[in-house]
Amino acid sequence: MKLNYKRTILVGMAFFLITAFWQAYDAIIPLILTNHFGLPQTASGAIMSIDNVLAVFMLPLFGALSDKVNTKFGKRTPFIFFGTIAAVIAFVALTFIDNYQLAEVVAAGIPEIQQGTMTDEAYSELVRKLAVEITIENPLPLIGFIATLLVALIAMATFRSPAVALMPDVTVKPLRSKGNAIINLTGTAGGILVLVLGMIFATSKNRYMQYTGYVIAVVAIMLVGFIIFLLTVKEKKWAEEMEAESQRLGIDVLPDSDGGSTDKRKLSKPELRSLLLILASVALWYIGYNSITSKYSVYATNVLGFDFNLTLIIAQAAAIVSYIPVGIISSKFGRRKTILAGVLMLAAAFFVGNFVTSSTPEIVMYPVFILAGIGWATINVNSFPMVVELARGGDVGKYTGYYYTASMAAQIVAPILSGLLYDLIDMRYVFFAFGTVFVMFSFVTMLFVKHGDSKPEENKSLIESLDVDD
């Protein structure tokens, strides 16, 4: 068995455009809510969790729905087509509403307020309170902003599960960790391009900038991935070839009561227990990780005074370098052991982050985020394949929905709970500590998982492990 890398990259263009969207979303939406509308961290966190609330219900629904769809373009492609178009239109429209609010803020003279002898935190709190007074006086821009945001988030939710399920659709089970590594690599490339755009547009330098140009540039990147996907991916043909190869290799072919074969069966109790433990682990490490990523732009800008774009680019670059080696390592040693190592790396990175302050040289943050990037890549490459390993061929979309239900439910909790603690205590003291604790909780639950692992491959040379089919 050899992974078709070229085909996997092309399938990954759907994930490329999804990652580009979420990278931009996580970067600018918290800044808009905090600096332009003046919302406190708890309220901002609640709005940031809307996508996750929608996802808990919509991702399993559309994942299972796409399992049942059968068009000449395949099961997943129609969802990707319509969802992408609606999302990019709503995303651009969002910035025009923000521009109106920003004009009100600028007219009130908030950007001209002199910081004087105040600390950065005190200055940020002062301008936030003044901005929220403007929002209370005229709440219509905020209402319109949230309504348009809902449209964009619903559009993204309709095709996320179908897009992610496409890789297992065209990849035999033993190769799915490697396949997921390539998918994540492709997605990370989209995220890095958006971070580079953030540096070009200086999104971390100006609290009162208009984001329309930046978002249009992000949308252009999304559309490039979208067009490549539509022109190159032959979903139906590739899925049929995967099914034929699985049957040839005796994978997913189980006897039914009539002596024939079926691709569906119920999980045994030990398998169900492992599935629930995997999903619990996914939820816990996502609470820890998302609490950092959803508010790092605010923390870096308002507390540390760092350029969050460069720091995140370094983390993404570390992840890119890690994806393929991690896929190979998991084939040798198993997914569970590899994930446990990744969890420890991520927890260690967040723990060290607790000691970085505004007086710390910014360069110190780089190795912290390199370690975090490697740890997250190690977790991400293997966790989704562990879930779909327990699925039969006809249920991949449904199990993809289970995975995203766990991760998105966690991301509902993360920004709200962490935001509440930031407001009650202090963002400076809670930010990295919160992430560290929840990531370590996931280590405990993962220890008890017994199913969903890959069978380690026989020893091969590195060149053999990287074999590519044309």
Protein backbone atom coordinates (compact mmCIF):
# COMPACT_ATOMS: atom_id res chain seq x y z
CA MET A 1 0.00 0.00 0.00
CA LYS A 2 1.27 3.43 -0.94
CA LEU A 3 -0.35 6.78 -0.31
CA ASN A 4 -1.11 8.83 -3.40
CA TYR A 5 0.34 12.12 -2.18
CA LYS A 6 -0.68 14.16 -5.21
CA ARG A 7 -4.30 13.07 -4.93
CA THR A 8 -4.35 13.67 -1.18
CA ILE A 9 -3.00 17.22 -1.61
CA LEU A 10 -5.71 18.00 -4.17
CA VAL A 11 -8.41 16.65 -1.84
CA GLY A 12 -6.80 18.76 0.89
CA MET A 13 -7.51 22.00 -1.00
CA ALA A 14 -10.96 21.96 0.60
CA PHE A 15 -9.27 21.94 4.01
CA PHE A 16 -6.85 24.61 2.71
CA LEU A 17 -9.68 27.10 2.19
CA ILE A 18 -11.35 26.13 5.49
CA THR A 19 -8.13 26.76 7.42
CA ALA A 20 -7.57 30.07 5.64
CA PHE A 21 -11.02 31.23 6.75
CA TRP A 22 -10.61 30.20 10.38
CA GLN A 23 -7.12 31.68 10.63
CA ALA A 24 -8.47 35.07 9.55
CA TYR A 25 -11.58 34.66 11.70
CA ASP A 26 -9.57 33.92 14.87
CA ALA A 27 -7.19 36.80 14.13
CA ILE A 28 -9.56 39.70 13.52
CA ILE A 29 -12.99 38.89 15.00
CA PRO A 30 -11.80 39.06 18.65
CA LEU A 31 -10.00 42.34 17.89
CA ILE A 32 -13.11 43.82 16.25
CA LEU A 33 -15.35 42.76 19.13
CA THR A 34 -12.96 44.05 21.79
CA ASN A 35 -11.45 47.17 20.20
CA HIS A 36 -14.22 48.36 17.86
CA PHE A 37 -17.36 47.36 19.78
CA GLY A 38 -15.78 47.50 23.25
CA LEU A 39 -17.10 44.14 24.44
CA PRO A 40 -15.58 42.57 27.58
CA GLN A 41 -13.71 39.29 27.21
CA THR A 42 -16.65 37.22 28.48
CA ALA A 43 -19.07 38.66 25.91
CA SER A 44 -16.44 38.46 23.17
CA GLY A 45 -15.77 34.84 24.10
CA ALA A 46 -19.48 34.04 23.96
CA ILE A 47 -19.75 35.45 20.43
CA MET A 48 -16.57 33.63 19.40
CA SER A 49 -18.20 30.39 20.54
CA ILE A 50 -21.26 30.79 18.28
CA ASP A 51 -19.56 28.87 15.47
CA ASN A 52 -18.95 26.02 17.86
CA VAL A 53 -22.56 25.99 19.09
CA LEU A 54 -23.72 25.76 15.48
CA ALA A 55 -21.10 23.13 14.73
CA VAL A 56 -22.23 20.79 17.53
CA PHE A 57 -25.57 20.39 15.77
CA MET A 58 -24.70 21.05 12.14
CA LEU A 59 -21.47 19.11 11.63
CA PRO A 60 -22.91 15.69 12.60
CA LEU A 61 -26.06 16.50 10.62
CA PHE A 62 -24.29 17.48 7.42
CA GLY A 63 -21.67 14.75 7.85
CA ALA A 64 -24.40 12.09 8.04
CA LEU A 65 -26.41 13.82 5.30
CA SER A 66 -23.45 13.77 2.95
CA ASP A 67 -23.12 10.00 3.54
CA LYS A 68 -26.55 9.60 1.94
CA VAL A 69 -26.07 12.01 -0.99
CA ASN A 70 -25.20 10.55 -4.38
CA THR A 71 -24.64 12.97 -7.27
CA LYS A 72 -22.52 12.79 -10.40
CA PHE A 73 -20.02 15.02 -8.55
CA GLY A 74 -19.89 12.72 -5.51
CA LYS A 75 -21.14 12.90 -1.92
CA ARG A 76 -19.10 15.77 -0.52
CA THR A 77 -18.36 18.16 -3.42
CA PRO A 78 -21.87 19.75 -3.66
CA PHE A 79 -21.67 20.79 0.01
CA ILE A 80 -18.19 22.26 -0.48
CA PHE A 81 -19.35 24.19 -3.57
CA PHE A 82 -22.39 25.95 -2.11
CA GLY A 83 -20.94 26.42 1.38
CA THR A 84 -17.78 28.12 0.14
CA ILE A 85 -19.63 30.60 -2.07
CA ALA A 86 -22.01 31.65 0.73
CA ALA A 87 -19.18 31.93 3.28
CA VAL A 88 -16.92 34.22 1.24
CA ILE A 89 -19.78 36.60 0.40
CA ALA A 90 -20.82 36.88 4.06
CA PHE A 91 -17.21 37.28 5.25
CA VAL A 92 -16.60 40.28 3.00
CA ALA A 93 -19.99 41.81 3.91
CA LEU A 94 -19.01 41.54 7.57
CA THR A 95 -16.18 44.06 7.14
CA PHE A 96 -18.48 46.76 5.75
CA ILE A 97 -20.58 46.65 8.92
CA ASP A 98 -17.40 46.87 10.99
CA ASN A 99 -16.27 49.86 8.92
CA TYR A 100 -19.44 51.72 9.92
CA GLN A 101 -18.86 51.01 13.61
CA LEU A 102 -15.21 51.98 13.26
CA ALA A 103 -16.17 55.32 11.73
CA GLU A 104 -18.27 56.02 14.85
CA VAL A 105 -15.36 55.10 17.11
CA VAL A 106 -12.91 57.28 15.20
CA ALA A 107 -15.36 60.18 15.15
CA ALA A 108 -15.55 59.99 18.94
CA GLY A 109 -11.79 60.53 19.08
CA ILE A 110 -10.92 57.26 20.81
CA PRO A 111 -7.76 56.58 18.74
CA GLU A 112 -6.44 60.02 19.72
CA ILE A 113 -6.62 59.37 23.46
CA GLN A 114 -3.13 59.68 24.89
CA GLN A 115 -1.87 56.76 26.89
CA GLY A 116 0.29 58.95 29.13
CA THR A 117 1.46 57.19 32.27
CA MET A 118 -1.10 54.38 32.10
CA THR A 119 -0.05 50.78 31.66
CA ASP A 120 -0.96 49.02 28.41
CA GLU A 121 -3.67 47.07 30.22
CA ALA A 122 -5.18 50.20 31.78
CA TYR A 123 -5.12 52.03 28.46
CA SER A 124 -6.80 49.09 26.69
CA GLU A 125 -9.53 48.96 29.35
CA LEU A 126 -10.15 52.70 29.08
CA VAL A 127 -10.65 52.70 25.32
CA ARG A 128 -12.77 49.53 25.56
CA LYS A 129 -15.15 51.24 27.98
CA LEU A 130 -15.45 54.27 25.73
CA ALA A 131 -16.07 52.05 22.70
CA VAL A 132 -18.79 50.07 24.48
CA GLU A 133 -20.58 53.34 25.32
CA ILE A 134 -20.79 54.02 21.58
CA THR A 135 -22.12 50.49 21.00
CA ILE A 136 -24.77 50.85 23.71
CA GLU A 137 -25.87 54.18 22.25
CA ASN A 138 -26.33 52.58 18.81
CA PRO A 139 -26.44 48.76 18.99
CA LEU A 140 -27.59 48.26 15.37
CA PRO A 141 -24.06 47.81 13.95
CA LEU A 142 -23.35 45.09 16.54
CA ILE A 143 -26.67 43.38 15.79
CA GLY A 144 -25.95 43.49 12.04
CA PHE A 145 -22.40 42.28 12.62
CA ILE A 146 -23.55 39.26 14.62
CA ALA A 147 -26.32 38.44 12.11
CA THR A 148 -23.90 38.50 9.17
CA LEU A 149 -21.40 36.52 11.19
CA LEU A 150 -24.08 33.88 11.70
CA VAL A 151 -24.57 33.57 7.93
CA ALA A 152 -20.84 33.04 7.39
CA LEU A 153 -20.60 30.51 10.22
CA ILE A 154 -23.65 28.53 9.07
CA ALA A 155 -22.21 28.40 5.56
CA MET A 156 -18.89 27.09 6.87
CA ALA A 157 -20.66 24.50 9.05
CA THR A 158 -22.54 23.01 6.09
CA PHE A 159 -19.39 21.73 4.39
CA ARG A 160 -16.73 21.23 7.06
CA SER A 161 -17.63 17.61 7.87
CA PRO A 162 -18.12 16.66 4.19
CA ALA A 163 -14.76 18.24 3.31
CA VAL A 164 -12.89 16.41 6.08
CA ALA A 165 -14.67 13.11 5.36
CA LEU A 166 -13.40 13.22 1.79
CA MET A 167 -9.89 12.10 2.74
CA PRO A 168 -11.07 8.82 4.37
CA ASP A 169 -13.42 8.35 1.40
CA VAL A 170 -10.48 8.07 -0.98
CA THR A 171 -7.82 6.60 1.39
CA VAL A 172 -7.63 3.03 2.72
CA LYS A 173 -7.62 2.75 6.52
CA PRO A 174 -3.96 1.90 7.21
CA LEU A 175 -2.84 5.01 5.29
CA ARG A 176 -5.18 7.53 6.91
CA SER A 177 -2.69 8.91 9.44
CA LYS A 178 -0.30 9.68 6.59
CA GLY A 179 -3.23 11.01 4.58
CA ASN A 180 -4.35 13.19 7.47
CA ALA A 181 -0.78 14.49 7.78
CA ILE A 182 -0.91 15.66 4.17
CA ILE A 183 -4.39 17.16 4.66
CA ASN A 184 -3.17 19.08 7.70
CA LEU A 185 -0.04 20.12 5.83
CA THR A 186 -2.19 21.53 3.03
CA GLY A 187 -4.47 23.26 5.50
CA THR A 188 -1.54 24.73 7.40
CA ALA A 189 -0.20 26.20 4.17
CA GLY A 190 -3.49 28.11 3.86
CA GLY A 191 -3.17 29.30 7.45
CA ILE A 192 0.39 30.51 6.93
CA LEU A 193 -0.57 32.45 3.81
CA VAL A 194 -3.24 34.25 5.85
CA LEU A 195 -0.75 34.99 8.63
CA VAL A 196 1.64 36.47 6.06
CA LEU A 197 -1.23 38.64 4.86
CA GLY A 198 -1.74 39.69 8.47
CA MET A 199 1.87 40.90 8.60
CA ILE A 200 1.52 42.70 5.26
CA PHE A 201 -1.67 44.44 6.37
CA ALA A 202 -0.25 44.97 9.91
CA THR A 203 -3.34 43.58 11.62
CA SER A 204 -1.53 43.44 14.98
CA LYS A 205 -0.22 47.01 14.81
CA ASN A 206 -3.38 49.10 14.39
CA ARG A 207 -6.37 48.59 16.67
CA TYR A 208 -8.50 50.87 14.55
CA MET A 209 -7.82 49.66 11.03
CA GLN A 210 -10.38 48.72 8.39
CA TYR A 211 -10.20 45.01 7.58
CA THR A 212 -11.95 45.02 4.19
CA GLY A 213 -8.76 44.86 2.12
CA TYR A 214 -7.32 42.15 4.34
CA VAL A 215 -10.47 40.00 4.16
CA ILE A 216 -10.72 40.39 0.37
CA ALA A 217 -7.12 39.13 0.13
CA VAL A 218 -8.00 36.18 2.40
CA VAL A 219 -11.05 35.39 0.27
CA ALA A 220 -8.86 35.44 -2.84
CA ILE A 221 -6.65 32.76 -1.26
CA MET A 222 -9.73 30.72 -0.38
CA LEU A 223 -11.03 30.94 -3.94
CA VAL A 224 -7.70 29.77 -5.38
CA GLY A 225 -7.95 26.59 -3.29
CA PHE A 226 -11.62 26.26 -4.21
CA ILE A 227 -10.96 26.47 -7.96
CA ILE A 228 -8.06 24.00 -7.79
CA PHE A 229 -10.33 21.58 -5.90
CA LEU A 230 -13.18 21.86 -8.40
CA LEU A 231 -10.92 21.46 -11.44
CA THR A 232 -8.84 18.51 -10.23
CA VAL A 233 -10.73 16.36 -7.69
CA LYS A 234 -12.67 13.43 -9.15
CA GLU A 235 -14.43 12.43 -5.96
CA LYS A 236 -16.70 9.68 -7.23
CA LYS A 237 -14.02 7.94 -9.30
CA TRP A 238 -11.43 8.08 -6.53
CA ALA A 239 -13.87 6.80 -3.88
CA GLU A 240 -14.77 3.81 -6.06
CA GLU A 241 -11.07 3.02 -6.52
CA MET A 242 -10.54 3.14 -2.75
CA GLU A 243 -13.45 0.75 -2.14
CA ALA A 244 -12.06 -1.67 -4.72
CA GLU A 245 -8.62 -1.61 -3.11
CA SER A 246 -10.09 -2.09 0.38
CA GLN A 247 -11.94 -5.17 -0.84
CA ARG A 248 -8.78 -6.49 -2.51
CA LEU A 249 -6.87 -6.08 0.76
CA GLY A 250 -9.71 -7.50 2.89
CA ILE A 251 -10.27 -4.22 4.74
CA ASP A 252 -13.80 -3.36 5.95
CA VAL A 253 -15.26 -6.52 4.46
CA LEU A 254 -17.24 -8.31 7.17
CA PRO A 255 -19.51 -11.34 6.83
CA ASP A 256 -23.24 -10.73 7.24
CA SER A 257 -25.92 -13.16 8.35
CA ASP A 258 -26.36 -14.46 4.79
CA GLY A 259 -22.71 -15.22 4.28
CA GLY A 260 -22.19 -12.19 2.12
CA SER A 261 -20.46 -9.02 3.17
CA THR A 262 -21.47 -5.72 4.66
CA ASP A 263 -19.65 -2.50 5.42
CA LYS A 264 -21.61 -1.67 8.58
CA ARG A 265 -21.80 -3.15 12.07
CA LYS A 266 -22.32 -1.98 15.63
CA LEU A 267 -19.35 -1.24 17.84
CA SER A 268 -18.52 -3.73 20.57
CA LYS A 269 -18.59 -2.41 24.16
CA PRO A 270 -14.78 -2.07 24.37
CA GLU A 271 -14.75 -0.25 21.02
CA LEU A 272 -17.54 2.08 22.16
CA ARG A 273 -15.65 2.78 25.39
CA SER A 274 -12.53 3.64 23.41
CA LEU A 275 -14.53 5.87 21.06
CA LEU A 276 -15.96 7.81 24.01
CA LEU A 277 -12.52 8.14 25.59
CA ILE A 278 -11.03 9.39 22.31
CA LEU A 279 -13.84 11.94 21.99
CA ALA A 280 -13.32 13.01 25.62
CA SER A 281 -9.62 13.48 24.92
CA VAL A 282 -10.42 15.50 21.80
CA ALA A 283 -12.74 17.74 23.82
CA LEU A 284 -10.18 18.32 26.58
CA TRP A 285 -7.20 19.19 24.41
CA TYR A 286 -9.39 21.43 22.25
CA ILE A 287 -10.55 23.33 25.35
CA GLY A 288 -6.92 23.94 26.24
CA TYR A 289 -5.74 24.70 22.72
CA ASN A 290 -8.70 26.84 21.63
CA SER A 291 -8.52 28.97 24.77
CA ILE A 292 -5.08 30.04 23.50
CA THR A 293 -5.74 30.37 19.76
CA SER A 294 -9.10 32.17 20.06
CA LYS A 295 -7.66 34.97 22.19
CA TYR A 296 -3.94 35.02 21.39
CA SER A 297 -4.33 38.01 19.05
CA VAL A 298 -5.86 39.96 21.97
CA TYR A 299 -3.34 38.68 24.53
CA ALA A 300 -0.33 39.39 22.32
CA THR A 301 -1.58 42.83 21.26
CA ASN A 302 -3.02 44.15 24.53
CA VAL A 303 -0.94 42.38 27.20
CA LEU A 304 2.43 41.40 25.73
CA GLY A 305 2.76 43.98 22.95
CA PHE A 306 3.97 41.26 20.54
CA ASP A 307 3.28 40.75 16.83
CA PHE A 308 0.93 37.78 17.01
CA ASN A 309 1.16 37.11 13.26
CA LEU A 310 4.87 36.30 13.29
CA THR A 311 4.57 34.11 16.38
CA LEU A 312 1.73 32.10 14.83
CA ILE A 313 3.59 31.78 11.53
CA ILE A 314 6.49 30.20 13.41
CA ALA A 315 4.11 27.74 15.10
CA GLN A 316 2.52 26.88 11.76
CA ALA A 317 5.92 26.42 10.13
CA ALA A 318 6.91 24.02 12.91
CA ALA A 319 3.69 22.09 12.32
CA ILE A 320 4.33 21.91 8.56
CA VAL A 321 7.79 20.45 9.12
CA SER A 322 6.28 17.92 11.56
CA TYR A 323 3.26 16.58 9.67
CA ILE A 324 4.91 14.02 7.39
CA PRO A 325 7.44 12.75 9.98
CA VAL A 326 4.58 12.42 12.49
CA GLY A 327 2.56 10.39 9.98
CA ILE A 328 5.53 8.06 9.49
CA ILE A 329 6.22 7.80 13.23
CA SER A 330 2.61 6.88 13.97
CA SER A 331 2.81 4.13 11.35
CA LYS A 332 5.81 2.73 13.21
CA PHE A 333 4.74 3.13 16.84
CA GLY A 334 0.96 3.52 16.71
CA ARG A 335 -1.35 6.50 16.89
CA ARG A 336 -2.07 6.40 20.63
CA LYS A 337 1.56 6.54 21.76
CA THR A 338 2.28 9.30 19.25
CA ILE A 339 -0.68 11.35 20.48
CA LEU A 340 0.43 10.99 24.11
CA ALA A 341 3.86 12.37 23.18
CA GLY A 342 2.20 15.27 21.36
CA VAL A 343 0.00 16.08 24.37
CA LEU A 344 3.07 16.30 26.60
CA MET A 345 4.80 18.64 24.15
CA LEU A 346 1.77 20.92 23.90
CA ALA A 347 1.32 21.05 27.68
CA ALA A 348 5.02 21.84 28.16
CA ALA A 349 4.83 24.70 25.66
CA PHE A 350 1.81 26.26 27.36
CA PHE A 351 3.43 25.83 30.78
CA VAL A 352 6.52 27.77 29.68
CA GLY A 353 4.27 30.46 28.18
CA ASN A 354 3.12 31.33 31.70
CA PHE A 355 6.50 32.91 32.38
CA VAL A 356 6.59 35.19 29.29
CA THR A 357 5.74 38.82 30.11
CA SER A 358 5.70 42.14 28.25
CA SER A 359 9.28 42.72 29.40
CA THR A 360 10.44 39.37 27.98
CA PRO A 361 12.16 39.60 24.59
CA GLU A 362 9.66 38.56 21.92
CA ILE A 363 12.13 36.01 20.52
CA VAL A 364 11.62 33.89 23.66
CA MET A 365 8.06 33.18 22.53
CA TYR A 366 9.26 31.60 19.28
CA PRO A 367 10.60 28.29 20.71
CA VAL A 368 7.48 28.07 22.88
CA PHE A 369 5.26 28.19 19.83
CA ILE A 370 7.56 25.91 17.84
CA LEU A 371 7.05 23.24 20.51
CA ALA A 372 3.31 23.96 20.57
CA GLY A 373 3.14 23.66 16.78
CA ILE A 374 4.92 20.29 16.79
CA GLY A 375 2.77 19.01 19.67
CA TRP A 376 -0.48 20.07 18.03
CA ALA A 377 0.57 18.56 14.69
CA THR A 378 1.36 15.28 16.46
CA ILE A 379 -2.09 15.22 18.06
CA ASN A 380 -4.01 16.38 14.99
CA VAL A 381 -2.50 13.94 12.52
CA ASN A 382 -3.60 10.94 14.55
CA SER A 383 -6.77 11.83 16.47
CA PHE A 384 -9.21 12.06 13.55
CA PRO A 385 -7.98 8.77 11.99
CA MET A 386 -8.48 7.05 15.35
CA VAL A 387 -12.16 8.02 15.27
CA VAL A 388 -12.84 7.02 11.65
CA GLU A 389 -10.82 3.81 12.15
CA LEU A 390 -13.82 2.61 14.14
CA ALA A 391 -16.25 3.49 11.33
CA ARG A 392 -17.29 1.28 8.48
CA GLY A 393 -17.00 2.71 4.98
CA GLY A 394 -20.61 3.90 4.74
CA ASP A 395 -20.44 5.77 8.07
CA VAL A 396 -17.33 7.92 7.60
CA GLY A 397 -19.33 11.15 7.41
CA LYS A 398 -21.23 10.27 10.59
CA TYR A 399 -18.06 9.48 12.53
CA THR A 400 -16.47 12.66 11.19
CA GLY A 401 -19.48 14.40 12.72
CA TYR A 402 -18.79 12.71 16.07
CA TYR A 403 -15.22 13.98 15.99
CA TYR A 404 -16.31 17.53 15.27
CA THR A 405 -19.11 17.39 17.84
CA ALA A 406 -16.47 16.74 20.50
CA SER A 407 -14.04 19.36 19.23
CA MET A 408 -16.67 22.03 18.65
CA ALA A 409 -18.46 21.44 21.96
CA ALA A 410 -15.08 21.97 23.59
CA GLN A 411 -14.60 25.17 21.67
CA ILE A 412 -17.96 26.44 22.99
CA VAL A 413 -16.69 26.00 26.53
CA ALA A 414 -13.14 27.30 25.95
CA PRO A 415 -13.64 30.99 25.04
CA ILE A 416 -16.55 31.50 27.46
CA LEU A 417 -14.94 29.84 30.49
CA SER A 418 -11.49 31.27 29.81
CA GLY A 419 -12.98 34.73 29.07
CA LEU A 420 -14.86 34.65 32.36
CA LEU A 421 -11.65 33.83 34.22
CA TYR A 422 -9.80 36.61 32.36
CA ASP A 423 -12.40 39.13 33.54
CA LEU A 424 -12.57 37.79 37.11
CA ILE A 425 -8.84 37.35 37.71
CA ASP A 426 -6.48 38.74 35.06
CA MET A 427 -5.74 37.62 31.52
CA ARG A 428 -2.02 37.87 32.23
CA TYR A 429 -2.14 35.17 34.95
CA VAL A 430 -4.81 32.84 33.54
CA PHE A 431 -4.12 32.73 29.79
CA PHE A 432 -1.50 29.97 29.49
CA ALA A 433 -2.32 28.29 32.82
CA PHE A 434 -5.85 27.46 31.64
CA GLY A 435 -4.53 25.82 28.46
CA THR A 436 -1.91 23.81 30.34
CA VAL A 437 -4.39 22.26 32.78
CA PHE A 438 -6.90 21.08 30.19
CA VAL A 439 -4.28 19.66 27.86
CA MET A 440 -2.92 17.57 30.74
CA PHE A 441 -6.44 16.30 31.49
CA SER A 442 -6.56 14.90 27.95
CA PHE A 443 -3.37 12.92 28.62
CA VAL A 444 -5.17 11.01 31.39
CA THR A 445 -8.20 10.05 29.28
CA MET A 446 -6.03 9.05 26.32
CA LEU A 447 -4.10 6.59 28.48
CA PHE A 448 -7.17 4.33 28.72
CA VAL A 449 -7.94 4.13 24.97
CA LYS A 450 -7.58 0.57 23.62
CA HIS A 451 -9.07 0.75 20.09
CA GLY A 452 -8.77 2.91 16.99
CA ASP A 453 -5.02 2.55 16.73
CA SER A 454 -3.21 1.71 13.54
CA LYS A 455 -1.21 -1.47 13.23
CA PRO A 456 2.47 -0.52 13.19
CA GLU A 457 4.01 -1.23 9.81
CA GLU A 458 6.94 -3.53 9.29
CA ASN A 459 10.30 -1.76 9.25
CA LYS A 460 10.91 0.13 6.04
CA SER A 461 13.43 2.64 4.90
CA LEU A 462 12.48 6.34 5.01
CA ILE A 463 12.37 6.41 1.21
CA GLU A 464 9.92 3.46 1.15
CA SER A 465 7.75 5.20 3.76
CA LEU A 466 7.50 8.26 1.52
CA ASP A 467 6.67 6.34 -1.68
CA VAL A 468 4.31 8.32 -3.91
CA ASP A 469 1.86 7.00 -6.47
CA ASP A 470 1.32 9.15 -9.53
